[in-house]
Structure formats: C-alpha cells, structure tokens
C-alpha cells in the first residue's frame, strides 16, 4: 500500500481544510466497480439490460445518465470477453469521465473539437449524443494513442470525425469551433490508487499547469464568439483547476458559465467554485474537475 506524499497532504489540507481533505484521502483507498456506457450508436438500452440479466450480472444505474451502468461482482476482464463489448455496443468508462460531454451539451450540426481526445471515450460519447450528426475534430499528438483513438472511433461506429495526429497547442488559429472539449492532461491527483506505486510529484503538477494554460489559451483562440469550452481534469488540485481557469478568464474576452447541476446533485461534489465543480474521489467516482467557459469577444 502506497503512502500519500506529504506535499500532497499539505496542499489538499491547505485548499480544502482537514475534514474535506480527509474525505479525499479516504477516496484514494477505495476500489471502484466496473462501469460502462452503452453506445447508443450500436445498441439499445433494453438489449444491454437483457444481456446483463441473462448473464446473471447485477447492476445499477446512476440517475443522471441512463446510459451508464455500474456492475457488481465482476472484473473488467470478464466484460472484455462479452459479445456486447467486442461489437462496440458498450464502452468501458469511469462515471466521472462521462460527465464532461454531458455538460458540453453537443448539438446536431455543431463543429466540435475534442482537443486531447485519445483513447476516444469522450469523442465517441459526443458522437452518440448527437446521433453522429455533429462534425467532430479529435486531436492526439502521440502517434500510438492516435491509432488507438481511430480504432475506438471505428469500433463504436462513430461518424463525421476527423482525427488529427498533432499537438493541440500548435493547432492553426484559422480553425473555428462552436464548442470545445478540453479534457486536459493532468497530475491525476483525483485518481490516485494507493494499491499501486504513486507517480505524482510537485514538478509534475507545475508542468501540467503550464501545459493546461497553453491548451486553454489555444482553445479560446479557436472558439467562435459565443462558443463554449468545457475544461476538465482528473485532478482535485486548484492549481490545475479553478485557479487556472480564473486566471485565464481574468485576462478578458471570456467568462465562466455556472454549470447547471440540478440533475447531478447526487454527485459527491466537494467544491463549487464560480460555477465550476470538483467531484470527490469515493467508492464510485474518480476525483474530477469541470468548468464551462464562454467566449465573449476576440482577444
């Protein structure tokens, strides 16, 4: 069992106080169940329910997403052997990572950028939410991960998606998008698993924050006036989240849009900062941050 680094304990206690930080620390030791999202481009919800029932797999479903399933007493390896997985009718995905596309609220006909897209869970979720009728650009700078992204897009039957094997910070300012999903590379401070060696460090957090800021500035350049960005990370550190978003927005030309969270009240939210939210790691959810930004004018 790994120990939580002293510097991380100090940072989280300083940001959230002893009680909330203690809840986060407890969340790091939880073993979350297998979860997946039904791929509505290929499968009917009731067909998946029938398959699980026939296979004797017990499950529950969160009220905020009818396509999400929480399985009991089963391993991911078991699900990977099933026909519904092999046919691309379901996508293994954490509950927290299903949230950003829902808050993005993609619509038919929109031009949408998934800025750091691999392995494709959120990209294909956006495609499913729009019934393959949005125009999606999915970026991934790593060649191997970009190939994996293409594989998953094809497997899930997602259409109207252009995959670009490029560094998203270097995308041409000529591009204009109606909506952008920036699920930024981060320290992973919301997804630490104490049963494995931890790789988090103060240097990693600083480097991530620097990259995140570059990506967010680039996203704002490519967003049309009135368009919206969903910025998310699997971190619970304010340096990578609320503080960074507020700093970028404070330079003008954009605003933070309060998230509509009425149907998400059952989430373990530990902080709602300027309309953004931070999900606490627990027995069901990974730690996650989500913020919505609207472009008001060209900078």
C-alpha atoms as a PDB file:
ATOM      1  CA  UNK A   1       0.000   0.000   0.000  1.00  0.00           C
ATOM      2  CA  UNK A   2       1.447   3.362  -1.068  1.00  0.00           C
ATOM      3  CA  UNK A   3       1.579   6.392   1.193  1.00  0.00           C
ATOM      4  CA  UNK A   4       0.098   9.744   0.205  1.00  0.00           C
ATOM      5  CA  UNK A   5       3.079  12.095  -0.304  1.00  0.00           C
ATOM      6  CA  UNK A   6       3.500  14.691   2.441  1.00  0.00           C
ATOM      7  CA  UNK A   7       3.495  17.584  -0.054  1.00  0.00           C
ATOM      8  CA  UNK A   8       0.133  16.436  -1.463  1.00  0.00           C
ATOM      9  CA  UNK A   9      -1.373  16.124   2.006  1.00  0.00           C
ATOM     10  CA  UNK A  10      -0.248  19.660   2.789  1.00  0.00           C
ATOM     11  CA  UNK A  11      -1.612  21.038  -0.499  1.00  0.00           C
ATOM     12  CA  UNK A  12      -5.027  19.419  -0.143  1.00  0.00           C
ATOM     13  CA  UNK A  13      -5.442  20.359   3.517  1.00  0.00           C
ATOM     14  CA  UNK A  14      -4.480  23.934   2.619  1.00  0.00           C
ATOM     15  CA  UNK A  15      -7.033  24.065  -0.176  1.00  0.00           C
ATOM     16  CA  UNK A  16      -9.955  22.209   1.397  1.00  0.00           C
ATOM     17  CA  UNK A  17      -9.371  22.010   5.146  1.00  0.00           C
ATOM     18  CA  UNK A  18      -8.781  18.943   7.292  1.00  0.00           C
ATOM     19  CA  UNK A  19     -12.260  17.418   7.031  1.00  0.00           C
ATOM     20  CA  UNK A  20     -12.683  17.547   3.236  1.00  0.00           C
ATOM     21  CA  UNK A  21      -9.048  16.608   2.627  1.00  0.00           C
ATOM     22  CA  UNK A  22      -9.619  13.575   4.846  1.00  0.00           C
ATOM     23  CA  UNK A  23     -12.533  12.517   2.656  1.00  0.00           C
ATOM     24  CA  UNK A  24     -10.311  12.831  -0.423  1.00  0.00           C
ATOM     25  CA  UNK A  25      -7.583  10.767   1.260  1.00  0.00           C
ATOM     26  CA  UNK A  26     -10.162   8.094   2.088  1.00  0.00           C
ATOM     27  CA  UNK A  27     -11.300   8.082  -1.542  1.00  0.00           C
ATOM     28  CA  UNK A  28      -7.799   7.163  -2.672  1.00  0.00           C
ATOM     29  CA  UNK A  29      -8.109   3.804  -0.917  1.00  0.00           C
ATOM     30  CA  UNK A  30     -11.457   2.841  -2.472  1.00  0.00           C
ATOM     31  CA  UNK A  31     -11.811   0.168  -5.145  1.00  0.00           C
ATOM     32  CA  UNK A  32     -14.369   1.329  -7.670  1.00  0.00           C
ATOM     33  CA  UNK A  33     -16.655  -1.119  -9.508  1.00  0.00           C
ATOM     34  CA  UNK A  34     -16.595  -1.715 -13.247  1.00  0.00           C
ATOM     35  CA  UNK A  35     -18.656   0.876 -15.101  1.00  0.00           C
ATOM     36  CA  UNK A  36     -19.551   1.323 -18.740  1.00  0.00           C
ATOM     37  CA  UNK A  37     -21.548   3.497 -21.086  1.00  0.00           C
ATOM     38  CA  UNK A  38     -23.974   1.985 -23.575  1.00  0.00           C
ATOM     39  CA  UNK A  39     -23.030   3.013 -27.099  1.00  0.00           C
ATOM     40  CA  UNK A  40     -26.403   4.127 -28.443  1.00  0.00           C
ATOM     41  CA  UNK A  41     -24.968   4.291 -31.965  1.00  0.00           C
ATOM     42  CA  UNK A  42     -24.981   0.489 -31.974  1.00  0.00           C
ATOM     43  CA  UNK A  43     -27.073  -0.776 -29.073  1.00  0.00           C
ATOM     44  CA  UNK A  44     -30.454  -0.411 -27.485  1.00  0.00           C
ATOM     45  CA  UNK A  45     -30.508   0.121 -23.719  1.00  0.00           C
ATOM     46  CA  UNK A  46     -33.042  -2.622 -23.116  1.00  0.00           C
ATOM     47  CA  UNK A  47     -30.969  -5.095 -25.120  1.00  0.00           C
ATOM     48  CA  UNK A  48     -27.996  -4.414 -22.845  1.00  0.00           C
ATOM     49  CA  UNK A  49     -30.188  -4.752 -19.757  1.00  0.00           C
ATOM     50  CA  UNK A  50     -31.453  -8.095 -21.056  1.00  0.00           C
ATOM     51  CA  UNK A  51     -27.915  -9.298 -21.792  1.00  0.00           C
ATOM     52  CA  UNK A  52     -26.706  -8.474 -18.275  1.00  0.00           C
ATOM     53  CA  UNK A  53     -29.759 -10.067 -16.695  1.00  0.00           C
ATOM     54  CA  UNK A  54     -29.355 -13.247 -18.730  1.00  0.00           C
ATOM     55  CA  UNK A  55     -25.666 -13.382 -17.789  1.00  0.00           C
ATOM     56  CA  UNK A  56     -26.532 -13.027 -14.092  1.00  0.00           C
ATOM     57  CA  UNK A  57     -24.592  -9.756 -13.770  1.00  0.00           C
ATOM     58  CA  UNK A  58     -26.076  -7.469 -11.154  1.00  0.00           C
ATOM     59  CA  UNK A  59     -26.036  -3.764 -11.922  1.00  0.00           C
ATOM     60  CA  UNK A  60     -27.356  -0.336 -11.006  1.00  0.00           C
ATOM     61  CA  UNK A  61     -27.670   2.893 -12.991  1.00  0.00           C
ATOM     62  CA  UNK A  62     -26.988   6.465 -11.826  1.00  0.00           C
ATOM     63  CA  UNK A  63     -29.992   8.749 -12.073  1.00  0.00           C
ATOM     64  CA  UNK A  64     -28.050  11.411 -14.011  1.00  0.00           C
ATOM     65  CA  UNK A  65     -27.215   9.182 -17.004  1.00  0.00           C
ATOM     66  CA  UNK A  66     -29.492   6.425 -18.254  1.00  0.00           C
ATOM     67  CA  UNK A  67     -26.700   5.073 -20.488  1.00  0.00           C
ATOM     68  CA  UNK A  68     -24.306   4.473 -17.564  1.00  0.00           C
ATOM     69  CA  UNK A  69     -24.139   1.104 -15.802  1.00  0.00           C
ATOM     70  CA  UNK A  70     -22.456   0.177 -12.512  1.00  0.00           C
ATOM     71  CA  UNK A  71     -21.674  -3.526 -12.291  1.00  0.00           C
ATOM     72  CA  UNK A  72     -21.371  -5.654  -9.158  1.00  0.00           C
ATOM     73  CA  UNK A  73     -19.027  -8.575  -8.501  1.00  0.00           C
ATOM     74  CA  UNK A  74     -17.409  -8.568 -11.935  1.00  0.00           C
ATOM     75  CA  UNK A  75     -13.991  -7.670 -13.352  1.00  0.00           C
ATOM     76  CA  UNK A  76     -13.174  -5.623 -16.453  1.00  0.00           C
ATOM     77  CA  UNK A  77     -11.507  -8.691 -17.932  1.00  0.00           C
ATOM     78  CA  UNK A  78     -14.849 -10.520 -17.736  1.00  0.00           C
ATOM     79  CA  UNK A  79     -16.658  -7.742 -19.593  1.00  0.00           C
ATOM     80  CA  UNK A  80     -13.975  -7.564 -22.291  1.00  0.00           C
ATOM     81  CA  UNK A  81     -14.823 -11.177 -23.168  1.00  0.00           C
ATOM     82  CA  UNK A  82     -18.500 -10.437 -23.815  1.00  0.00           C
ATOM     83  CA  UNK A  83     -20.007 -10.018 -27.268  1.00  0.00           C
ATOM     84  CA  UNK A  84     -21.534  -6.640 -26.429  1.00  0.00           C
ATOM     85  CA  UNK A  85     -18.036  -5.355 -25.674  1.00  0.00           C
ATOM     86  CA  UNK A  86     -16.435  -6.937 -28.732  1.00  0.00           C
ATOM     87  CA  UNK A  87     -19.135  -5.498 -31.004  1.00  0.00           C
ATOM     88  CA  UNK A  88     -18.648  -1.981 -29.623  1.00  0.00           C
ATOM     89  CA  UNK A  89     -22.090  -1.831 -28.056  1.00  0.00           C
ATOM     90  CA  UNK A  90     -20.627  -0.673 -24.744  1.00  0.00           C
ATOM     91  CA  UNK A  91     -17.566   1.392 -23.776  1.00  0.00           C
ATOM     92  CA  UNK A  92     -15.758   0.770 -20.501  1.00  0.00           C
ATOM     93  CA  UNK A  93     -15.529   4.217 -18.918  1.00  0.00           C
ATOM     94  CA  UNK A  94     -15.451   5.685 -15.435  1.00  0.00           C
ATOM     95  CA  UNK A  95     -18.557   7.542 -14.269  1.00  0.00           C
ATOM     96  CA  UNK A  96     -16.614  10.772 -13.773  1.00  0.00           C
ATOM     97  CA  UNK A  97     -15.245  10.748 -17.317  1.00  0.00           C
ATOM     98  CA  UNK A  98     -18.780  10.554 -18.696  1.00  0.00           C
ATOM     99  CA  UNK A  99     -19.603  13.954 -17.188  1.00  0.00           C
ATOM    100  CA  UNK A 100     -17.718  16.437 -19.440  1.00  0.00           C
ATOM    101  CA  UNK A 101     -19.560  15.544 -22.688  1.00  0.00           C
ATOM    102  CA  UNK A 102     -22.893  15.858 -20.880  1.00  0.00           C
ATOM    103  CA  UNK A 103     -22.003  19.358 -19.659  1.00  0.00           C
ATOM    104  CA  UNK A 104     -20.720  20.210 -23.148  1.00  0.00           C
ATOM    105  CA  UNK A 105     -24.259  19.519 -24.400  1.00  0.00           C
ATOM    106  CA  UNK A 106     -23.278  18.984 -28.052  1.00  0.00           C
ATOM    107  CA  UNK A 107     -25.938  19.625 -30.658  1.00  0.00           C
ATOM    108  CA  UNK A 108     -26.628  18.371 -34.161  1.00  0.00           C
ATOM    109  CA  UNK A 109     -24.736  20.302 -36.828  1.00  0.00           C
ATOM    110  CA  UNK A 110     -22.171  21.871 -34.496  1.00  0.00           C
ATOM    111  CA  UNK A 111     -18.442  21.931 -35.209  1.00  0.00           C
ATOM    112  CA  UNK A 112     -16.831  20.455 -32.108  1.00  0.00           C
ATOM    113  CA  UNK A 113     -13.197  19.991 -31.123  1.00  0.00           C
ATOM    114  CA  UNK A 114     -12.074  17.285 -28.715  1.00  0.00           C
ATOM    115  CA  UNK A 115      -8.683  18.766 -28.008  1.00  0.00           C
ATOM    116  CA  UNK A 116      -6.859  15.861 -26.310  1.00  0.00           C
ATOM    117  CA  UNK A 117      -9.037  13.002 -27.449  1.00  0.00           C
ATOM    118  CA  UNK A 118      -7.323   9.609 -27.017  1.00  0.00           C
ATOM    119  CA  UNK A 119      -8.391   6.937 -26.309  1.00  0.00           C
ATOM    120  CA  UNK A 120     -11.770   8.191 -27.523  1.00  0.00           C
ATOM    121  CA  UNK A 121     -14.296   7.629 -24.762  1.00  0.00           C
ATOM    122  CA  UNK A 122     -15.477  11.233 -24.742  1.00  0.00           C
ATOM    123  CA  UNK A 123     -15.132  11.643 -28.514  1.00  0.00           C
ATOM    124  CA  UNK A 124     -17.442   8.721 -29.198  1.00  0.00           C
ATOM    125  CA  UNK A 125     -19.786   9.849 -26.419  1.00  0.00           C
ATOM    126  CA  UNK A 126     -20.148  13.224 -28.173  1.00  0.00           C
ATOM    127  CA  UNK A 127     -20.877  11.386 -31.418  1.00  0.00           C
ATOM    128  CA  UNK A 128     -23.533   9.281 -29.673  1.00  0.00           C
ATOM    129  CA  UNK A 129     -25.146  12.297 -28.007  1.00  0.00           C
ATOM    130  CA  UNK A 130     -25.582  13.901 -31.434  1.00  0.00           C
ATOM    131  CA  UNK A 131     -26.530  10.678 -33.272  1.00  0.00           C
ATOM    132  CA  UNK A 132     -23.450  11.113 -35.494  1.00  0.00           C
ATOM    133  CA  UNK A 133     -24.802  14.461 -36.728  1.00  0.00           C
ATOM    134  CA  UNK A 134     -22.150  16.801 -35.325  1.00  0.00           C
ATOM    135  CA  UNK A 135     -18.818  17.495 -37.029  1.00  0.00           C
ATOM    136  CA  UNK A 136     -16.057  16.470 -34.653  1.00  0.00           C
ATOM    137  CA  UNK A 137     -12.329  17.082 -34.836  1.00  0.00           C
ATOM    138  CA  UNK A 138     -10.352  14.862 -32.453  1.00  0.00           C
ATOM    139  CA  UNK A 139      -6.716  15.703 -31.698  1.00  0.00           C
ATOM    140  CA  UNK A 140      -3.988  13.485 -30.246  1.00  0.00           C
ATOM    141  CA  UNK A 141      -0.276  14.289 -30.519  1.00  0.00           C
ATOM    142  CA  UNK A 142       1.033  10.788 -29.696  1.00  0.00           C
ATOM    143  CA  UNK A 143       1.075   8.574 -32.799  1.00  0.00           C
ATOM    144  CA  UNK A 144       0.312   5.306 -30.996  1.00  0.00           C
ATOM    145  CA  UNK A 145      -2.504   6.870 -28.965  1.00  0.00           C
ATOM    146  CA  UNK A 146      -3.890   8.453 -32.150  1.00  0.00           C
ATOM    147  CA  UNK A 147      -4.063   4.992 -33.721  1.00  0.00           C
ATOM    148  CA  UNK A 148      -5.927   3.733 -30.668  1.00  0.00           C
ATOM    149  CA  UNK A 149      -8.303   6.676 -30.991  1.00  0.00           C
ATOM    150  CA  UNK A 150      -9.018   5.781 -34.631  1.00  0.00           C
ATOM    151  CA  UNK A 151      -9.583   2.143 -33.671  1.00  0.00           C
ATOM    152  CA  UNK A 152     -12.128   3.037 -30.988  1.00  0.00           C
ATOM    153  CA  UNK A 153     -13.950   5.501 -33.243  1.00  0.00           C
ATOM    154  CA  UNK A 154     -14.360   2.817 -35.891  1.00  0.00           C
ATOM    155  CA  UNK A 155     -15.307   0.126 -33.384  1.00  0.00           C
ATOM    156  CA  UNK A 156     -18.011   2.329 -31.855  1.00  0.00           C
ATOM    157  CA  UNK A 157     -19.498   3.261 -35.233  1.00  0.00           C
ATOM    158  CA  UNK A 158     -18.835   6.967 -34.709  1.00  0.00           C
ATOM    159  CA  UNK A 159     -19.020   9.107 -37.852  1.00  0.00           C
ATOM    160  CA  UNK A 160     -18.164  12.626 -39.025  1.00  0.00           C
ATOM    161  CA  UNK A 161     -14.940  12.583 -37.009  1.00  0.00           C
ATOM    162  CA  UNK A 162     -11.606  13.862 -38.297  1.00  0.00           C
ATOM    163  CA  UNK A 163      -8.617  12.602 -36.311  1.00  0.00           C
ATOM    164  CA  UNK A 164      -5.569  14.874 -36.270  1.00  0.00           C
ATOM    165  CA  UNK A 165      -2.243  13.477 -35.040  1.00  0.00           C
ATOM    166  CA  UNK A 166      -0.965  16.893 -33.890  1.00  0.00           C
ATOM    167  CA  UNK A 167      -0.010  18.785 -30.747  1.00  0.00           C
ATOM    168  CA  UNK A 168      -3.177  20.685 -29.850  1.00  0.00           C
ATOM    169  CA  UNK A 169      -1.158  23.688 -28.625  1.00  0.00           C
ATOM    170  CA  UNK A 170       0.028  24.109 -32.227  1.00  0.00           C
ATOM    171  CA  UNK A 171      -3.318  23.956 -33.990  1.00  0.00           C
ATOM    172  CA  UNK A 172      -3.821  26.703 -36.544  1.00  0.00           C
ATOM    173  CA  UNK A 173      -5.694  29.763 -35.277  1.00  0.00           C
ATOM    174  CA  UNK A 174      -7.617  29.616 -38.566  1.00  0.00           C
ATOM    175  CA  UNK A 175      -9.877  26.921 -37.078  1.00  0.00           C
ATOM    176  CA  UNK A 176     -13.190  27.982 -35.532  1.00  0.00           C
ATOM    177  CA  UNK A 177     -15.367  25.712 -33.430  1.00  0.00           C
ATOM    178  CA  UNK A 178     -18.797  26.085 -31.857  1.00  0.00           C
ATOM    179  CA  UNK A 179     -17.777  24.024 -28.817  1.00  0.00           C
ATOM    180  CA  UNK A 180     -14.526  22.609 -27.486  1.00  0.00           C
ATOM    181  CA  UNK A 181     -13.910  19.834 -25.011  1.00  0.00           C
ATOM    182  CA  UNK A 182     -10.535  20.234 -23.307  1.00  0.00           C
ATOM    183  CA  UNK A 183     -10.062  17.253 -21.021  1.00  0.00           C
ATOM    184  CA  UNK A 184      -6.557  18.351 -20.195  1.00  0.00           C
ATOM    185  CA  UNK A 185      -3.571  16.171 -19.311  1.00  0.00           C
ATOM    186  CA  UNK A 186      -3.111  16.476 -15.562  1.00  0.00           C
ATOM    187  CA  UNK A 187      -1.367  15.191 -12.449  1.00  0.00           C
ATOM    188  CA  UNK A 188      -4.097  12.607 -11.840  1.00  0.00           C
ATOM    189  CA  UNK A 189      -4.494  13.766  -8.247  1.00  0.00           C
ATOM    190  CA  UNK A 190      -8.161  12.752  -8.383  1.00  0.00           C
ATOM    191  CA  UNK A 191      -7.471   9.192  -9.496  1.00  0.00           C
ATOM    192  CA  UNK A 192      -4.662   8.069  -7.194  1.00  0.00           C
ATOM    193  CA  UNK A 193      -4.841   4.397  -6.240  1.00  0.00           C
ATOM    194  CA  UNK A 194      -2.925   3.586  -3.077  1.00  0.00           C
ATOM    195  CA  UNK A 195      -2.685  -0.074  -4.071  1.00  0.00           C
ATOM    196  CA  UNK A 196      -0.156   0.924  -6.757  1.00  0.00           C
ATOM    197  CA  UNK A 197       3.062   2.995  -6.666  1.00  0.00           C
ATOM    198  CA  UNK A 198       2.285   6.710  -6.969  1.00  0.00           C
ATOM    199  CA  UNK A 199       3.979   8.832  -9.653  1.00  0.00           C
ATOM    200  CA  UNK A 200       2.699  12.257  -8.623  1.00  0.00           C
ATOM    201  CA  UNK A 201       5.230  14.995  -7.780  1.00  0.00           C
ATOM    202  CA  UNK A 202       5.355  18.752  -7.301  1.00  0.00           C
ATOM    203  CA  UNK A 203       7.275  19.067 -10.584  1.00  0.00           C
ATOM    204  CA  UNK A 204       4.585  17.089 -12.423  1.00  0.00           C
ATOM    205  CA  UNK A 205       1.876  19.383 -11.057  1.00  0.00           C
ATOM    206  CA  UNK A 206       3.783  22.502 -12.160  1.00  0.00           C
ATOM    207  CA  UNK A 207       4.438  21.073 -15.620  1.00  0.00           C
ATOM    208  CA  UNK A 208       0.803  20.052 -16.021  1.00  0.00           C
ATOM    209  CA  UNK A 209      -0.444  23.506 -15.019  1.00  0.00           C
ATOM    210  CA  UNK A 210       1.866  25.117 -17.588  1.00  0.00           C
ATOM    211  CA  UNK A 211       0.598  22.837 -20.364  1.00  0.00           C
ATOM    212  CA  UNK A 212      -3.030  23.223 -19.291  1.00  0.00           C
ATOM    213  CA  UNK A 213      -2.757  27.006 -19.511  1.00  0.00           C
ATOM    214  CA  UNK A 214      -1.275  26.804 -23.025  1.00  0.00           C
ATOM    215  CA  UNK A 215      -4.044  24.464 -24.128  1.00  0.00           C
ATOM    216  CA  UNK A 216      -6.783  26.655 -22.676  1.00  0.00           C
ATOM    217  CA  UNK A 217      -5.405  29.804 -24.313  1.00  0.00           C
ATOM    218  CA  UNK A 218      -5.225  27.946 -27.627  1.00  0.00           C
ATOM    219  CA  UNK A 219      -8.790  26.687 -27.185  1.00  0.00           C
ATOM    220  CA  UNK A 220     -10.051  30.240 -26.706  1.00  0.00           C
ATOM    221  CA  UNK A 221      -8.307  31.341 -29.897  1.00  0.00           C
ATOM    222  CA  UNK A 222     -10.120  28.673 -31.907  1.00  0.00           C
ATOM    223  CA  UNK A 223     -13.543  29.145 -30.320  1.00  0.00           C
ATOM    224  CA  UNK A 224     -16.075  31.267 -32.155  1.00  0.00           C
ATOM    225  CA  UNK A 225     -17.592  34.253 -30.355  1.00  0.00           C
ATOM    226  CA  UNK A 226     -20.398  32.960 -28.155  1.00  0.00           C
ATOM    227  CA  UNK A 227     -18.989  29.433 -28.237  1.00  0.00           C
ATOM    228  CA  UNK A 228     -18.287  27.367 -25.133  1.00  0.00           C
ATOM    229  CA  UNK A 229     -15.439  25.289 -23.746  1.00  0.00           C
ATOM    230  CA  UNK A 230     -15.733  22.506 -21.220  1.00  0.00           C
ATOM    231  CA  UNK A 231     -12.417  22.364 -19.372  1.00  0.00           C
ATOM    232  CA  UNK A 232     -11.937  19.250 -17.268  1.00  0.00           C
ATOM    233  CA  UNK A 233      -9.204  17.332 -15.468  1.00  0.00           C
ATOM    234  CA  UNK A 234      -8.983  14.237 -13.281  1.00  0.00           C
ATOM    235  CA  UNK A 235      -7.282  16.404 -10.662  1.00  0.00           C
ATOM    236  CA  UNK A 236      -8.616  17.888  -7.426  1.00  0.00           C
ATOM    237  CA  UNK A 237      -5.839  20.489  -7.122  1.00  0.00           C
ATOM    238  CA  UNK A 238      -6.879  24.098  -7.597  1.00  0.00           C
ATOM    239  CA  UNK A 239      -3.579  24.933  -9.314  1.00  0.00           C
ATOM    240  CA  UNK A 240      -4.741  22.823 -12.253  1.00  0.00           C
ATOM    241  CA  UNK A 241      -8.398  23.707 -11.981  1.00  0.00           C
ATOM    242  CA  UNK A 242     -10.279  26.717 -10.610  1.00  0.00           C
ATOM    243  CA  UNK A 243      -7.228  28.924 -10.069  1.00  0.00           C
ATOM    244  CA  UNK A 244      -6.019  28.293 -13.614  1.00  0.00           C
ATOM    245  CA  UNK A 245      -9.420  28.882 -15.206  1.00  0.00           C
ATOM    246  CA  UNK A 246      -9.985  32.108 -13.273  1.00  0.00           C
ATOM    247  CA  UNK A 247      -6.533  33.388 -14.222  1.00  0.00           C
ATOM    248  CA  UNK A 248      -7.090  32.759 -17.942  1.00  0.00           C
ATOM    249  CA  UNK A 249     -10.587  34.256 -17.918  1.00  0.00           C
ATOM    250  CA  UNK A 250      -9.428  37.305 -15.960  1.00  0.00           C
ATOM    251  CA  UNK A 251      -7.381  38.436 -18.973  1.00  0.00           C
ATOM    252  CA  UNK A 252     -10.624  39.319 -20.735  1.00  0.00           C
ATOM    253  CA  UNK A 253     -12.726  38.124 -23.634  1.00  0.00           C
ATOM    254  CA  UNK A 254     -14.340  35.202 -21.803  1.00  0.00           C
ATOM    255  CA  UNK A 255     -16.458  34.318 -18.790  1.00  0.00           C
ATOM    256  CA  UNK A 256     -17.073  31.317 -16.573  1.00  0.00           C
ATOM    257  CA  UNK A 257     -20.597  29.985 -17.092  1.00  0.00           C
ATOM    258  CA  UNK A 258     -22.140  28.362 -13.983  1.00  0.00           C
ATOM    259  CA  UNK A 259     -22.797  24.688 -14.625  1.00  0.00           C
ATOM    260  CA  UNK A 260     -26.405  23.510 -14.460  1.00  0.00           C
ATOM    261  CA  UNK A 261     -26.120  20.823 -11.807  1.00  0.00           C
ATOM    262  CA  UNK A 262     -29.745  20.180 -10.812  1.00  0.00           C
ATOM    263  CA  UNK A 263     -29.773  16.575 -12.033  1.00  0.00           C
ATOM    264  CA  UNK A 264     -26.231  15.975 -10.738  1.00  0.00           C
ATOM    265  CA  UNK A 265     -26.876  16.753  -7.067  1.00  0.00           C
ATOM    266  CA  UNK A 266     -26.202  13.146  -6.088  1.00  0.00           C
ATOM    267  CA  UNK A 267     -22.576  13.514  -7.173  1.00  0.00           C
ATOM    268  CA  UNK A 268     -20.031  13.767  -4.321  1.00  0.00           C
ATOM    269  CA  UNK A 269     -19.274  17.430  -5.034  1.00  0.00           C
ATOM    270  CA  UNK A 270     -16.689  18.909  -2.667  1.00  0.00           C
ATOM    271  CA  UNK A 271     -16.413  22.356  -4.172  1.00  0.00           C
ATOM    272  CA  UNK A 272     -18.445  24.629  -6.438  1.00  0.00           C
ATOM    273  CA  UNK A 273     -16.100  27.480  -7.298  1.00  0.00           C
ATOM    274  CA  UNK A 274     -17.503  30.274  -9.514  1.00  0.00           C
ATOM    275  CA  UNK A 275     -19.978  27.820 -11.023  1.00  0.00           C
ATOM    276  CA  UNK A 276     -17.373  25.125 -11.662  1.00  0.00           C
ATOM    277  CA  UNK A 277     -17.432  21.876  -9.722  1.00  0.00           C
ATOM    278  CA  UNK A 278     -14.991  19.407  -8.219  1.00  0.00           C
ATOM    279  CA  UNK A 279     -16.050  15.790  -7.738  1.00  0.00           C
ATOM    280  CA  UNK A 280     -14.547  13.972  -4.750  1.00  0.00           C
ATOM    281  CA  UNK A 281     -12.981  10.550  -5.235  1.00  0.00           C
ATOM    282  CA  UNK A 282     -15.015   7.866  -3.465  1.00  0.00           C
ATOM    283  CA  UNK A 283     -16.214   4.284  -3.920  1.00  0.00           C
ATOM    284  CA  UNK A 284     -17.994   5.155  -7.206  1.00  0.00           C
ATOM    285  CA  UNK A 285     -16.363   8.284  -8.628  1.00  0.00           C
ATOM    286  CA  UNK A 286     -12.871   9.430  -9.539  1.00  0.00           C
ATOM    287  CA  UNK A 287     -11.859  12.910  -8.474  1.00  0.00           C
ATOM    288  CA  UNK A 288     -12.705  15.276 -11.330  1.00  0.00           C
ATOM    289  CA  UNK A 289     -12.973  18.993 -12.108  1.00  0.00           C
ATOM    290  CA  UNK A 290     -15.313  20.554 -14.683  1.00  0.00           C
ATOM    291  CA  UNK A 291     -15.728  24.180 -15.751  1.00  0.00           C
ATOM    292  CA  UNK A 292     -17.603  25.873 -18.588  1.00  0.00           C
ATOM    293  CA  UNK A 293     -16.165  28.946 -20.316  1.00  0.00           C
ATOM    294  CA  UNK A 294     -17.894  31.163 -22.884  1.00  0.00           C
ATOM    295  CA  UNK A 295     -16.015  33.372 -25.360  1.00  0.00           C
ATOM    296  CA  UNK A 296     -17.329  36.916 -25.354  1.00  0.00           C
ATOM    297  CA  UNK A 297     -15.005  38.615 -27.826  1.00  0.00           C
ATOM    298  CA  UNK A 298     -11.756  38.235 -29.705  1.00  0.00           C
ATOM    299  CA  UNK A 299      -8.680  38.926 -27.621  1.00  0.00           C
END
